[in-house]
Amino acid sequence: MRAEAILEDGIRDVDSLDDGIKLLETWDGIIRTRWCGEMDCAQEMEKALDKTFLGFPLDDISTGELQKEDGNCMFCGRPTDT
């Protein structure tokens, strides 16, 4: 449980590309955001943020079921549920 708390402490949620860029000017950790699933958006976000995608949050590691959360892609604004 301690490791999980340390990991969560190193993650920040952002809703927009501008918020991500501003945050990374003063902080160097993991960003959690919404994404539409399109590789073009992923590549553009990686370039803009100078960061690499780490993966997807899982609800159940044994089944690989993704966490579902309604929202919009931080890059293109299209609806997403991951």
C-alpha atoms as a PDB file:
ATOM      1  CA  MET A   1       0.000   0.000   0.000  1.00  0.00           C
ATOM      2  CA  ARG A   2       2.853   2.400   0.696  1.00  0.00           C
ATOM      3  CA  ALA A   3       4.214   2.006  -2.850  1.00  0.00           C
ATOM      4  CA  GLU A   4       0.774   2.690  -4.293  1.00  0.00           C
ATOM      5  CA  ALA A   5       0.514   5.902  -2.244  1.00  0.00           C
ATOM      6  CA  ILE A   6       3.945   7.032  -3.434  1.00  0.00           C
ATOM      7  CA  LEU A   7       2.982   6.345  -7.056  1.00  0.00           C
ATOM      8  CA  GLU A   8      -0.329   8.207  -6.757  1.00  0.00           C
ATOM      9  CA  ASP A   9       1.475  11.159  -5.167  1.00  0.00           C
ATOM     10  CA  GLY A  10       3.615  11.411  -8.307  1.00  0.00           C
ATOM     11  CA  ILE A  11       0.620  11.628 -10.681  1.00  0.00           C
ATOM     12  CA  ARG A  12      -1.279  14.791 -11.599  1.00  0.00           C
ATOM     13  CA  ASP A  13      -4.549  14.958 -13.541  1.00  0.00           C
ATOM     14  CA  VAL A  14      -4.840  17.503 -16.340  1.00  0.00           C
ATOM     15  CA  ASP A  15      -7.748  18.264 -18.667  1.00  0.00           C
ATOM     16  CA  SER A  16      -6.092  20.333 -21.364  1.00  0.00           C
ATOM     17  CA  LEU A  17      -2.833  20.462 -23.270  1.00  0.00           C
ATOM     18  CA  ASP A  18      -2.171  23.996 -22.004  1.00  0.00           C
ATOM     19  CA  ASP A  19      -2.637  22.841 -18.395  1.00  0.00           C
ATOM     20  CA  GLY A  20      -0.205  19.979 -19.020  1.00  0.00           C
ATOM     21  CA  ILE A  21       2.421  22.266 -20.517  1.00  0.00           C
ATOM     22  CA  LYS A  22       2.118  24.745 -17.620  1.00  0.00           C
ATOM     23  CA  LEU A  23       2.316  21.975 -15.016  1.00  0.00           C
ATOM     24  CA  LEU A  24       5.432  20.457 -16.570  1.00  0.00           C
ATOM     25  CA  GLU A  25       7.242  23.801 -16.433  1.00  0.00           C
ATOM     26  CA  THR A  26       7.588  23.355 -12.667  1.00  0.00           C
ATOM     27  CA  TRP A  27       6.956  19.649 -12.044  1.00  0.00           C
ATOM     28  CA  ASP A  28       8.447  16.501 -13.574  1.00  0.00           C
ATOM     29  CA  GLY A  29       6.117  13.615 -12.870  1.00  0.00           C
ATOM     30  CA  ILE A  30       3.379  11.564 -14.498  1.00  0.00           C
ATOM     31  CA  ILE A  31       0.362  13.218 -16.107  1.00  0.00           C
ATOM     32  CA  ARG A  32      -2.961  11.407 -16.220  1.00  0.00           C
ATOM     33  CA  THR A  33      -5.337  12.669 -18.892  1.00  0.00           C
ATOM     34  CA  ARG A  34      -8.068  11.583 -21.263  1.00  0.00           C
ATOM     35  CA  TRP A  35      -7.303  10.467 -24.801  1.00  0.00           C
ATOM     36  CA  CYS A  36      -9.504   9.634 -27.792  1.00  0.00           C
ATOM     37  CA  GLY A  37      -7.413   6.631 -28.782  1.00  0.00           C
ATOM     38  CA  GLU A  38      -6.137   8.088 -32.070  1.00  0.00           C
ATOM     39  CA  MET A  39      -2.389   7.647 -32.572  1.00  0.00           C
ATOM     40  CA  ASP A  40      -2.130  11.066 -34.264  1.00  0.00           C
ATOM     41  CA  CYS A  41      -3.317  12.709 -31.038  1.00  0.00           C
ATOM     42  CA  ALA A  42      -0.941  10.606 -28.953  1.00  0.00           C
ATOM     43  CA  GLN A  43       2.035  11.583 -31.096  1.00  0.00           C
ATOM     44  CA  GLU A  44       1.128  15.278 -31.053  1.00  0.00           C
ATOM     45  CA  MET A  45       0.631  15.236 -27.265  1.00  0.00           C
ATOM     46  CA  GLU A  46       3.994  13.516 -26.787  1.00  0.00           C
ATOM     47  CA  LYS A  47       5.691  16.190 -28.904  1.00  0.00           C
ATOM     48  CA  ALA A  48       3.944  19.104 -27.184  1.00  0.00           C
ATOM     49  CA  LEU A  49       4.576  17.779 -23.676  1.00  0.00           C
ATOM     50  CA  ASP A  50       7.978  16.188 -24.347  1.00  0.00           C
ATOM     51  CA  LYS A  51       6.684  13.061 -22.563  1.00  0.00           C
ATOM     52  CA  THR A  52       5.984   9.457 -23.540  1.00  0.00           C
ATOM     53  CA  PHE A  53       2.727   7.558 -23.067  1.00  0.00           C
ATOM     54  CA  LEU A  54       3.052   4.967 -20.302  1.00  0.00           C
ATOM     55  CA  GLY A  55      -0.174   3.028 -20.800  1.00  0.00           C
ATOM     56  CA  PHE A  56      -3.771   2.806 -19.751  1.00  0.00           C
ATOM     57  CA  PRO A  57      -5.261   2.618 -16.238  1.00  0.00           C
ATOM     58  CA  LEU A  58      -6.793  -0.786 -15.510  1.00  0.00           C
ATOM     59  CA  ASP A  59      -9.855  -1.572 -13.389  1.00  0.00           C
ATOM     60  CA  ASP A  60      -8.880  -5.217 -13.139  1.00  0.00           C
ATOM     61  CA  ILE A  61      -5.313  -6.296 -13.819  1.00  0.00           C
ATOM     62  CA  SER A  62      -6.291  -9.969 -14.137  1.00  0.00           C
ATOM     63  CA  THR A  63      -8.723  -9.299 -17.015  1.00  0.00           C
ATOM     64  CA  GLY A  64      -7.046  -6.246 -18.502  1.00  0.00           C
ATOM     65  CA  GLU A  65     -10.329  -4.313 -18.260  1.00  0.00           C
ATOM     66  CA  LEU A  66      -9.700  -0.584 -18.716  1.00  0.00           C
ATOM     67  CA  GLN A  67     -10.968   2.041 -16.317  1.00  0.00           C
ATOM     68  CA  LYS A  68     -13.862   3.894 -17.930  1.00  0.00           C
ATOM     69  CA  GLU A  69     -14.280   7.622 -17.435  1.00  0.00           C
ATOM     70  CA  ASP A  70     -16.301   9.919 -19.651  1.00  0.00           C
ATOM     71  CA  GLY A  71     -14.611  13.051 -20.910  1.00  0.00           C
ATOM     72  CA  ASN A  72     -12.839  14.570 -23.888  1.00  0.00           C
ATOM     73  CA  CYS A  73      -9.423  14.052 -25.398  1.00  0.00           C
ATOM     74  CA  MET A  74      -7.019  16.694 -24.087  1.00  0.00           C
ATOM     75  CA  PHE A  75      -5.667  17.238 -27.606  1.00  0.00           C
ATOM     76  CA  CYS A  76      -8.552  17.083 -30.102  1.00  0.00           C
ATOM     77  CA  GLY A  77     -11.578  17.373 -27.813  1.00  0.00           C
ATOM     78  CA  ARG A  78     -13.287  14.236 -29.169  1.00  0.00           C
ATOM     79  CA  PRO A  79     -15.259  12.171 -26.642  1.00  0.00           C
ATOM     80  CA  THR A  80     -13.434   9.396 -24.824  1.00  0.00           C
ATOM     81  CA  ASP A  81     -14.154   6.874 -22.129  1.00  0.00           C
ATOM     82  CA  THR A  82     -10.615   5.968 -21.033  1.00  0.00           C
END
